[in-house]
Amino acid sequence: MLKEDLDNLGAEDLHQLQRAWELQHRVLASESVTHHTMFREETRWPGYYYRGDHMKLDDEDWHCFTLSQYDRESGEWAMEKAPVYHIVD
């Protein structure tokens, strides 16, 4: 519902326009973090990254990047993992 309301957001001056843009950016960033969290299926604890439905510590799946691409037209997210190359141990 928040994203629907953003389509009708207006501003009466440049300061309010900046705040409106920041609000849109925060919604997109929050949605991105949520998609990344749900895409990853491992737990890192204590307290850093916890999935109650995936309790196993899995170093192989943990050591990777999560890449996402948002399609503005369809509203869909494409998610994939990319390898991490450790150059320093």
PDB file of N, CA and C in Angstrom:
ATOM      1  N   MET A   1       0.822  -1.190   0.000  1.00  0.00           N
ATOM      2  CA  MET A   1       0.000   0.000   0.000  1.00  0.00           C
ATOM      3  C   MET A   1       0.868   1.255   0.000  1.00  0.00           C
ATOM      4  N   LEU A   2       2.015   1.186   0.660  1.00  0.00           N
ATOM      5  CA  LEU A   2       2.902   2.343   0.696  1.00  0.00           C
ATOM      6  C   LEU A   2       3.381   2.700  -0.706  1.00  0.00           C
ATOM      7  N   LYS A   3       3.732   1.682  -1.512  1.00  0.00           N
ATOM      8  CA  LYS A   3       4.191   1.955  -2.870  1.00  0.00           C
ATOM      9  C   LYS A   3       3.086   2.585  -3.713  1.00  0.00           C
ATOM     10  N   GLU A   4       1.850   2.175  -3.499  1.00  0.00           N
ATOM     11  CA  GLU A   4       0.729   2.786  -4.222  1.00  0.00           C
ATOM     12  C   GLU A   4       0.585   4.258  -3.840  1.00  0.00           C
ATOM     13  N   ASP A   5       0.750   4.570  -2.564  1.00  0.00           N
ATOM     14  CA  ASP A   5       0.649   5.955  -2.108  1.00  0.00           C
ATOM     15  C   ASP A   5       1.772   6.814  -2.664  1.00  0.00           C
ATOM     16  N   LEU A   6       2.949   6.227  -2.893  1.00  0.00           N
ATOM     17  CA  LEU A   6       4.067   7.000  -3.423  1.00  0.00           C
ATOM     18  C   LEU A   6       3.770   7.545  -4.819  1.00  0.00           C
ATOM     19  N   ASP A   7       2.923   6.851  -5.582  1.00  0.00           N
ATOM     20  CA  ASP A   7       2.566   7.340  -6.917  1.00  0.00           C
ATOM     21  C   ASP A   7       1.819   8.668  -6.867  1.00  0.00           C
ATOM     22  N   ASN A   8       1.199   8.957  -5.735  1.00  0.00           N
ATOM     23  CA  ASN A   8       0.420  10.194  -5.585  1.00  0.00           C
ATOM     24  C   ASN A   8       1.120  11.225  -4.709  1.00  0.00           C
ATOM     25  N   LEU A   9       2.386  10.993  -4.425  1.00  0.00           N
ATOM     26  CA  LEU A   9       3.145  11.892  -3.563  1.00  0.00           C
ATOM     27  C   LEU A   9       3.455  13.179  -4.307  1.00  0.00           C
ATOM     28  N   GLY A  10       3.309  14.309  -3.629  1.00  0.00           N
ATOM     29  CA  GLY A  10       3.597  15.602  -4.239  1.00  0.00           C
ATOM     30  C   GLY A  10       4.476  16.446  -3.328  1.00  0.00           C
ATOM     31  N   ALA A  11       4.930  17.561  -3.858  1.00  0.00           N
ATOM     32  CA  ALA A  11       5.797  18.461  -3.091  1.00  0.00           C
ATOM     33  C   ALA A  11       5.454  19.895  -3.446  1.00  0.00           C
ATOM     34  N   GLU A  12       5.509  20.756  -2.438  1.00  0.00           N
ATOM     35  CA  GLU A  12       5.205  22.169  -2.679  1.00  0.00           C
ATOM     36  C   GLU A  12       6.451  23.026  -2.860  1.00  0.00           C
ATOM     37  N   ASP A  13       7.618  22.473  -2.547  1.00  0.00           N
ATOM     38  CA  ASP A  13       8.861  23.207  -2.760  1.00  0.00           C
ATOM     39  C   ASP A  13       9.997  22.206  -2.962  1.00  0.00           C
ATOM     40  N   LEU A  14      11.184  22.697  -3.223  1.00  0.00           N
ATOM     41  CA  LEU A  14      12.313  21.810  -3.500  1.00  0.00           C
ATOM     42  C   LEU A  14      12.706  20.957  -2.293  1.00  0.00           C
ATOM     43  N   HIS A  15      12.562  21.527  -1.105  1.00  0.00           N
ATOM     44  CA  HIS A  15      12.886  20.754   0.088  1.00  0.00           C
ATOM     45  C   HIS A  15      11.939  19.559   0.220  1.00  0.00           C
ATOM     46  N   GLN A  16      10.662  19.783   0.038  1.00  0.00           N
ATOM     47  CA  GLN A  16       9.695  18.694   0.114  1.00  0.00           C
ATOM     48  C   GLN A  16       9.901  17.691  -1.026  1.00  0.00           C
ATOM     49  N   LEU A  17      10.316  18.180  -2.190  1.00  0.00           N
ATOM     50  CA  LEU A  17      10.600  17.290  -3.307  1.00  0.00           C
ATOM     51  C   LEU A  17      11.770  16.358  -2.966  1.00  0.00           C
ATOM     52  N   GLN A  18      12.794  16.922  -2.332  1.00  0.00           N
ATOM     53  CA  GLN A  18      13.931  16.107  -1.906  1.00  0.00           C
ATOM     54  C   GLN A  18      13.482  15.054  -0.899  1.00  0.00           C
ATOM     55  N   ARG A  19      12.644  15.431   0.047  1.00  0.00           N
ATOM     56  CA  ARG A  19      12.154  14.474   1.046  1.00  0.00           C
ATOM     57  C   ARG A  19      11.300  13.392   0.392  1.00  0.00           C
ATOM     58  N   ALA A  20      10.510  13.759  -0.608  1.00  0.00           N
ATOM     59  CA  ALA A  20       9.686  12.777  -1.317  1.00  0.00           C
ATOM     60  C   ALA A  20      10.578  11.786  -2.059  1.00  0.00           C
ATOM     61  N   TRP A  21      11.621  12.280  -2.701  1.00  0.00           N
ATOM     62  CA  TRP A  21      12.549  11.399  -3.409  1.00  0.00           C
ATOM     63  C   TRP A  21      13.262  10.471  -2.423  1.00  0.00           C
ATOM     64  N   GLU A  22      13.676  10.995  -1.278  1.00  0.00           N
ATOM     65  CA  GLU A  22      14.337  10.163  -0.269  1.00  0.00           C
ATOM     66  C   GLU A  22      13.387   9.076   0.234  1.00  0.00           C
ATOM     67  N   LEU A  23      12.120   9.384   0.377  1.00  0.00           N
ATOM     68  CA  LEU A  23      11.148   8.400   0.815  1.00  0.00           C
ATOM     69  C   LEU A  23      11.012   7.287  -0.225  1.00  0.00           C
ATOM     70  N   GLN A  24      10.955   7.656  -1.507  1.00  0.00           N
ATOM     71  CA  GLN A  24      10.878   6.639  -2.555  1.00  0.00           C
ATOM     72  C   GLN A  24      12.133   5.761  -2.537  1.00  0.00           C
ATOM     73  N   HIS A  25      13.282   6.374  -2.349  1.00  0.00           N
ATOM     74  CA  HIS A  25      14.534   5.611  -2.313  1.00  0.00           C
ATOM     75  C   HIS A  25      14.551   4.661  -1.126  1.00  0.00           C
ATOM     76  N   ARG A  26      14.082   5.098   0.043  1.00  0.00           N
ATOM     77  CA  ARG A  26      14.057   4.235   1.227  1.00  0.00           C
ATOM     78  C   ARG A  26      13.138   3.035   1.027  1.00  0.00           C
ATOM     79  N   VAL A  27      12.013   3.251   0.380  1.00  0.00           N
ATOM     80  CA  VAL A  27      11.091   2.136   0.114  1.00  0.00           C
ATOM     81  C   VAL A  27      11.757   1.123  -0.813  1.00  0.00           C
ATOM     82  N   LEU A  28      12.410   1.592  -1.868  1.00  0.00           N
ATOM     83  CA  LEU A  28      13.085   0.689  -2.798  1.00  0.00           C
ATOM     84  C   LEU A  28      14.236  -0.046  -2.110  1.00  0.00           C
ATOM     85  N   ALA A  29      15.015   0.657  -1.303  1.00  0.00           N
ATOM     86  CA  ALA A  29      16.125   0.021  -0.588  1.00  0.00           C
ATOM     87  C   ALA A  29      15.602  -1.014   0.411  1.00  0.00           C
ATOM     88  N   SER A  30      14.537  -0.711   1.113  1.00  0.00           N
ATOM     89  CA  SER A  30      13.954  -1.659   2.065  1.00  0.00           C
ATOM     90  C   SER A  30      13.430  -2.900   1.361  1.00  0.00           C
ATOM     91  N   GLU A  31      12.785  -2.705   0.225  1.00  0.00           N
ATOM     92  CA  GLU A  31      12.281  -3.834  -0.539  1.00  0.00           C
ATOM     93  C   GLU A  31      13.448  -4.700  -1.038  1.00  0.00           C
ATOM     94  N   SER A  32      14.527  -4.063  -1.452  1.00  0.00           N
ATOM     95  CA  SER A  32      15.699  -4.792  -1.917  1.00  0.00           C
ATOM     96  C   SER A  32      16.296  -5.637  -0.795  1.00  0.00           C
ATOM     97  N   VAL A  33      16.454  -5.071   0.380  1.00  0.00           N
ATOM     98  CA  VAL A  33      17.005  -5.807   1.520  1.00  0.00           C
ATOM     99  C   VAL A  33      16.108  -6.993   1.857  1.00  0.00           C
ATOM    100  N   THR A  34      14.812  -6.805   1.810  1.00  0.00           N
ATOM    101  CA  THR A  34      13.882  -7.890   2.106  1.00  0.00           C
ATOM    102  C   THR A  34      14.015  -9.024   1.093  1.00  0.00           C
ATOM    103  N   HIS A  35      14.102  -8.689  -0.197  1.00  0.00           N
ATOM    104  CA  HIS A  35      14.275  -9.722  -1.227  1.00  0.00           C
ATOM    105  C   HIS A  35      15.597 -10.462  -1.063  1.00  0.00           C
ATOM    106  N   HIS A  36      16.665  -9.737  -0.742  1.00  0.00           N
ATOM    107  CA  HIS A  36      17.966 -10.377  -0.527  1.00  0.00           C
ATOM    108  C   HIS A  36      17.905 -11.320   0.672  1.00  0.00           C
ATOM    109  N   THR A  37      17.274 -10.893   1.747  1.00  0.00           N
ATOM    110  CA  THR A  37      17.168 -11.713   2.945  1.00  0.00           C
ATOM    111  C   THR A  37      16.388 -12.994   2.667  1.00  0.00           C
ATOM    112  N   MET A  38      15.300 -12.894   1.927  1.00  0.00           N
ATOM    113  CA  MET A  38      14.496 -14.066   1.638  1.00  0.00           C
ATOM    114  C   MET A  38      15.174 -14.985   0.618  1.00  0.00           C
ATOM    115  N   PHE A  39      16.021 -14.422  -0.231  1.00  0.00           N
ATOM    116  CA  PHE A  39      16.727 -15.223  -1.233  1.00  0.00           C
ATOM    117  C   PHE A  39      17.796 -16.108  -0.590  1.00  0.00           C
ATOM    118  N   ARG A  40      18.504 -15.557   0.395  1.00  0.00           N
ATOM    119  CA  ARG A  40      19.569 -16.312   1.066  1.00  0.00           C
ATOM    120  C   ARG A  40      18.935 -17.354   1.974  1.00  0.00           C
ATOM    121  N   GLU A  41      19.452 -18.565   1.935  1.00  0.00           N
ATOM    122  CA  GLU A  41      18.876 -19.653   2.721  1.00  0.00           C
ATOM    123  C   GLU A  41      19.899 -20.242   3.676  1.00  0.00           C
ATOM    124  N   GLU A  42      20.473 -19.383   4.504  1.00  0.00           N
ATOM    125  CA  GLU A  42      21.398 -19.838   5.523  1.00  0.00           C
ATOM    126  C   GLU A  42      21.343 -18.878   6.698  1.00  0.00           C
ATOM    127  N   THR A  43      21.891 -19.307   7.805  1.00  0.00           N
ATOM    128  CA  THR A  43      21.889 -18.526   9.040  1.00  0.00           C
ATOM    129  C   THR A  43      23.320 -18.188   9.425  1.00  0.00           C
ATOM    130  N   ARG A  44      23.536 -17.007   9.926  1.00  0.00           N
ATOM    131  CA  ARG A  44      24.796 -16.604  10.547  1.00  0.00           C
ATOM    132  C   ARG A  44      24.431 -16.021  11.897  1.00  0.00           C
ATOM    133  N   TRP A  45      24.943 -16.604  12.928  1.00  0.00           N
ATOM    134  CA  TRP A  45      24.604 -16.144  14.259  1.00  0.00           C
ATOM    135  C   TRP A  45      25.847 -16.143  15.121  1.00  0.00           C
ATOM    136  N   PRO A  46      25.869 -15.519  16.256  1.00  0.00           N
ATOM    137  CA  PRO A  46      24.708 -14.980  16.947  1.00  0.00           C
ATOM    138  C   PRO A  46      24.360 -13.571  16.477  1.00  0.00           C
ATOM    139  N   GLY A  47      23.142 -13.407  16.127  1.00  0.00           N
ATOM    140  CA  GLY A  47      22.558 -12.094  15.910  1.00  0.00           C
ATOM    141  C   GLY A  47      22.819 -11.406  14.593  1.00  0.00           C
ATOM    142  N   TYR A  48      23.746 -11.894  13.771  1.00  0.00           N
ATOM    143  CA  TYR A  48      24.061 -11.144  12.557  1.00  0.00           C
ATOM    144  C   TYR A  48      23.014 -11.351  11.475  1.00  0.00           C
ATOM    145  N   TYR A  49      22.706 -12.596  11.180  1.00  0.00           N
ATOM    146  CA  TYR A  49      21.817 -12.903  10.066  1.00  0.00           C
ATOM    147  C   TYR A  49      21.125 -14.199  10.429  1.00  0.00           C
ATOM    148  N   TYR A  50      19.858 -14.146  10.745  1.00  0.00           N
ATOM    149  CA  TYR A  50      19.162 -15.294  11.299  1.00  0.00           C
ATOM    150  C   TYR A  50      17.928 -15.626  10.483  1.00  0.00           C
ATOM    151  N   ARG A  51      17.834 -16.858  10.013  1.00  0.00           N
ATOM    152  CA  ARG A  51      16.642 -17.359   9.331  1.00  0.00           C
ATOM    153  C   ARG A  51      16.085 -18.503  10.157  1.00  0.00           C
ATOM    154  N   GLY A  52      14.942 -18.337  10.740  1.00  0.00           N
ATOM    155  CA  GLY A  52      14.333 -19.375  11.547  1.00  0.00           C
ATOM    156  C   GLY A  52      13.955 -20.600  10.742  1.00  0.00           C
ATOM    157  N   ASP A  53      13.714 -20.412   9.444  1.00  0.00           N
ATOM    158  CA  ASP A  53      13.337 -21.544   8.608  1.00  0.00           C
ATOM    159  C   ASP A  53      14.546 -22.221   7.964  1.00  0.00           C
ATOM    160  N   HIS A  54      15.734 -21.639   8.112  1.00  0.00           N
ATOM    161  CA  HIS A  54      16.982 -22.233   7.607  1.00  0.00           C
ATOM    162  C   HIS A  54      18.044 -22.057   8.682  1.00  0.00           C
ATOM    163  N   MET A  55      18.071 -22.967   9.623  1.00  0.00           N
ATOM    164  CA  MET A  55      18.928 -22.830  10.803  1.00  0.00           C
ATOM    165  C   MET A  55      20.373 -23.256  10.567  1.00  0.00           C
ATOM    166  N   LYS A  56      20.637 -23.963   9.492  1.00  0.00           N
ATOM    167  CA  LYS A  56      21.960 -24.529   9.255  1.00  0.00           C
ATOM    168  C   LYS A  56      22.987 -23.459   8.884  1.00  0.00           C
ATOM    169  N   LEU A  57      24.177 -23.570   9.473  1.00  0.00           N
ATOM    170  CA  LEU A  57      25.300 -22.737   9.051  1.00  0.00           C
ATOM    171  C   LEU A  57      25.919 -23.396   7.827  1.00  0.00           C
ATOM    172  N   ASP A  58      25.978 -22.659   6.739  1.00  0.00           N
ATOM    173  CA  ASP A  58      26.430 -23.229   5.472  1.00  0.00           C
ATOM    174  C   ASP A  58      27.458 -22.286   4.854  1.00  0.00           C
ATOM    175  N   ASP A  59      28.755 -22.562   5.105  1.00  0.00           N
ATOM    176  CA  ASP A  59      29.807 -21.670   4.618  1.00  0.00           C
ATOM    177  C   ASP A  59      29.858 -21.605   3.098  1.00  0.00           C
ATOM    178  N   GLU A  60      29.563 -22.704   2.426  1.00  0.00           N
ATOM    179  CA  GLU A  60      29.623 -22.708   0.963  1.00  0.00           C
ATOM    180  C   GLU A  60      28.621 -21.721   0.367  1.00  0.00           C
ATOM    181  N   ASP A  61      27.414 -21.714   0.885  1.00  0.00           N
ATOM    182  CA  ASP A  61      26.408 -20.778   0.371  1.00  0.00           C
ATOM    183  C   ASP A  61      26.568 -19.375   0.941  1.00  0.00           C
ATOM    184  N   TRP A  62      27.223 -19.269   2.091  1.00  0.00           N
ATOM    185  CA  TRP A  62      27.369 -17.955   2.717  1.00  0.00           C
ATOM    186  C   TRP A  62      28.386 -17.092   1.975  1.00  0.00           C
ATOM    187  N   HIS A  63      29.479 -17.689   1.530  1.00  0.00           N
ATOM    188  CA  HIS A  63      30.551 -16.930   0.893  1.00  0.00           C
ATOM    189  C   HIS A  63      30.241 -16.698  -0.584  1.00  0.00           C
ATOM    190  N   CYS A  64      29.295 -15.803  -0.822  1.00  0.00           N
ATOM    191  CA  CYS A  64      28.927 -15.405  -2.177  1.00  0.00           C
ATOM    192  C   CYS A  64      28.254 -14.038  -2.103  1.00  0.00           C
ATOM    193  N   PHE A  65      28.151 -13.399  -3.231  1.00  0.00           N
ATOM    194  CA  PHE A  65      27.415 -12.148  -3.335  1.00  0.00           C
ATOM    195  C   PHE A  65      25.996 -12.455  -3.793  1.00  0.00           C
ATOM    196  N   THR A  66      25.058 -11.663  -3.337  1.00  0.00           N
ATOM    197  CA  THR A  66      23.691 -11.753  -3.832  1.00  0.00           C
ATOM    198  C   THR A  66      23.477 -10.582  -4.776  1.00  0.00           C
ATOM    199  N   LEU A  67      23.143 -10.885  -6.012  1.00  0.00           N
ATOM    200  CA  LEU A  67      22.903  -9.861  -7.022  1.00  0.00           C
ATOM    201  C   LEU A  67      21.415  -9.787  -7.306  1.00  0.00           C
ATOM    202  N   SER A  68      20.923  -8.584  -7.496  1.00  0.00           N
ATOM    203  CA  SER A  68      19.504  -8.429  -7.799  1.00  0.00           C
ATOM    204  C   SER A  68      19.327  -7.395  -8.895  1.00  0.00           C
ATOM    205  N   GLN A  69      18.254  -7.573  -9.621  1.00  0.00           N
ATOM    206  CA  GLN A  69      17.891  -6.610 -10.653  1.00  0.00           C
ATOM    207  C   GLN A  69      16.390  -6.408 -10.578  1.00  0.00           C
ATOM    208  N   TYR A  70      15.987  -5.162 -10.487  1.00  0.00           N
ATOM    209  CA  TYR A  70      14.573  -4.813 -10.376  1.00  0.00           C
ATOM    210  C   TYR A  70      14.062  -4.334 -11.730  1.00  0.00           C
ATOM    211  N   ASP A  71      12.985  -4.933 -12.195  1.00  0.00           N
ATOM    212  CA  ASP A  71      12.353  -4.522 -13.452  1.00  0.00           C
ATOM    213  C   ASP A  71      11.230  -3.552 -13.112  1.00  0.00           C
ATOM    214  N   ARG A  72      11.435  -2.301 -13.424  1.00  0.00           N
ATOM    215  CA  ARG A  72      10.477  -1.256 -13.078  1.00  0.00           C
ATOM    216  C   ARG A  72       9.127  -1.455 -13.758  1.00  0.00           C
ATOM    217  N   GLU A  73       9.147  -2.002 -14.969  1.00  0.00           N
ATOM    218  CA  GLU A  73       7.901  -2.188 -15.717  1.00  0.00           C
ATOM    219  C   GLU A  73       7.022  -3.282 -15.100  1.00  0.00           C
ATOM    220  N   SER A  74       7.626  -4.416 -14.781  1.00  0.00           N
ATOM    221  CA  SER A  74       6.850  -5.546 -14.257  1.00  0.00           C
ATOM    222  C   SER A  74       6.781  -5.566 -12.732  1.00  0.00           C
ATOM    223  N   GLY A  75       7.712  -4.867 -12.066  1.00  0.00           N
ATOM    224  CA  GLY A  75       7.773  -4.903 -10.612  1.00  0.00           C
ATOM    225  C   GLY A  75       8.401  -6.175 -10.063  1.00  0.00           C
ATOM    226  N   GLU A  76       9.041  -6.960 -10.935  1.00  0.00           N
ATOM    227  CA  GLU A  76       9.649  -8.230 -10.540  1.00  0.00           C
ATOM    228  C   GLU A  76      11.132  -8.053 -10.202  1.00  0.00           C
ATOM    229  N   TRP A  77      11.600  -8.915  -9.325  1.00  0.00           N
ATOM    230  CA  TRP A  77      13.005  -8.941  -8.926  1.00  0.00           C
ATOM    231  C   TRP A  77      13.656 -10.205  -9.471  1.00  0.00           C
ATOM    232  N   ALA A  78      14.813 -10.088 -10.084  1.00  0.00           N
ATOM    233  CA  ALA A  78      15.621 -11.230 -10.517  1.00  0.00           C
ATOM    234  C   ALA A  78      16.788 -11.335  -9.540  1.00  0.00           C
ATOM    235  N   MET A  79      16.941 -12.514  -8.937  1.00  0.00           N
ATOM    236  CA  MET A  79      17.962 -12.715  -7.922  1.00  0.00           C
ATOM    237  C   MET A  79      18.913 -13.818  -8.367  1.00  0.00           C
ATOM    238  N   GLU A  80      20.206 -13.642  -8.051  1.00  0.00           N
ATOM    239  CA  GLU A  80      21.189 -14.681  -8.331  1.00  0.00           C
ATOM    240  C   GLU A  80      22.381 -14.523  -7.394  1.00  0.00           C
ATOM    241  N   LYS A  81      23.157 -15.588  -7.305  1.00  0.00           N
ATOM    242  CA  LYS A  81      24.371 -15.560  -6.492  1.00  0.00           C
ATOM    243  C   LYS A  81      25.585 -15.474  -7.404  1.00  0.00           C
ATOM    244  N   ALA A  82      26.618 -14.780  -6.933  1.00  0.00           N
ATOM    245  CA  ALA A  82      27.880 -14.663  -7.664  1.00  0.00           C
ATOM    246  C   ALA A  82      29.007 -15.039  -6.714  1.00  0.00           C
ATOM    247  N   PRO A  83      30.057 -15.620  -7.225  1.00  0.00           N
ATOM    248  CA  PRO A  83      31.150 -16.067  -6.353  1.00  0.00           C
ATOM    249  C   PRO A  83      31.932 -14.905  -5.744  1.00  0.00           C
ATOM    250  N   VAL A  84      32.489 -15.181  -4.579  1.00  0.00           N
ATOM    251  CA  VAL A  84      33.409 -14.259  -3.915  1.00  0.00           C
ATOM    252  C   VAL A  84      34.798 -14.833  -4.091  1.00  0.00           C
ATOM    253  N   TYR A  85      35.719 -14.019  -4.523  1.00  0.00           N
ATOM    254  CA  TYR A  85      37.110 -14.445  -4.684  1.00  0.00           C
ATOM    255  C   TYR A  85      37.924 -13.817  -3.564  1.00  0.00           C
ATOM    256  N   HIS A  86      38.323 -14.633  -2.592  1.00  0.00           N
ATOM    257  CA  HIS A  86      39.096 -14.151  -1.444  1.00  0.00           C
ATOM    258  C   HIS A  86      40.557 -13.999  -1.874  1.00  0.00           C
ATOM    259  N   ILE A  87      41.049 -12.787  -1.899  1.00  0.00           N
ATOM    260  CA  ILE A  87      42.433 -12.556  -2.300  1.00  0.00           C
ATOM    261  C   ILE A  87      43.363 -12.500  -1.096  1.00  0.00           C
ATOM    262  N   VAL A  88      42.790 -12.365   0.102  1.00  0.00           N
ATOM    263  CA  VAL A  88      43.572 -12.374   1.340  1.00  0.00           C
ATOM    264  C   VAL A  88      42.889 -13.338   2.296  1.00  0.00           C
ATOM    265  N   ASP A  89      43.645 -14.245   2.870  1.00  0.00           N
ATOM    266  CA  ASP A  89      43.071 -15.201   3.832  1.00  0.00           C
ATOM    267  C   ASP A  89      43.147 -14.664   5.229  1.00  0.00           C
TER     268      ASP A  89
END
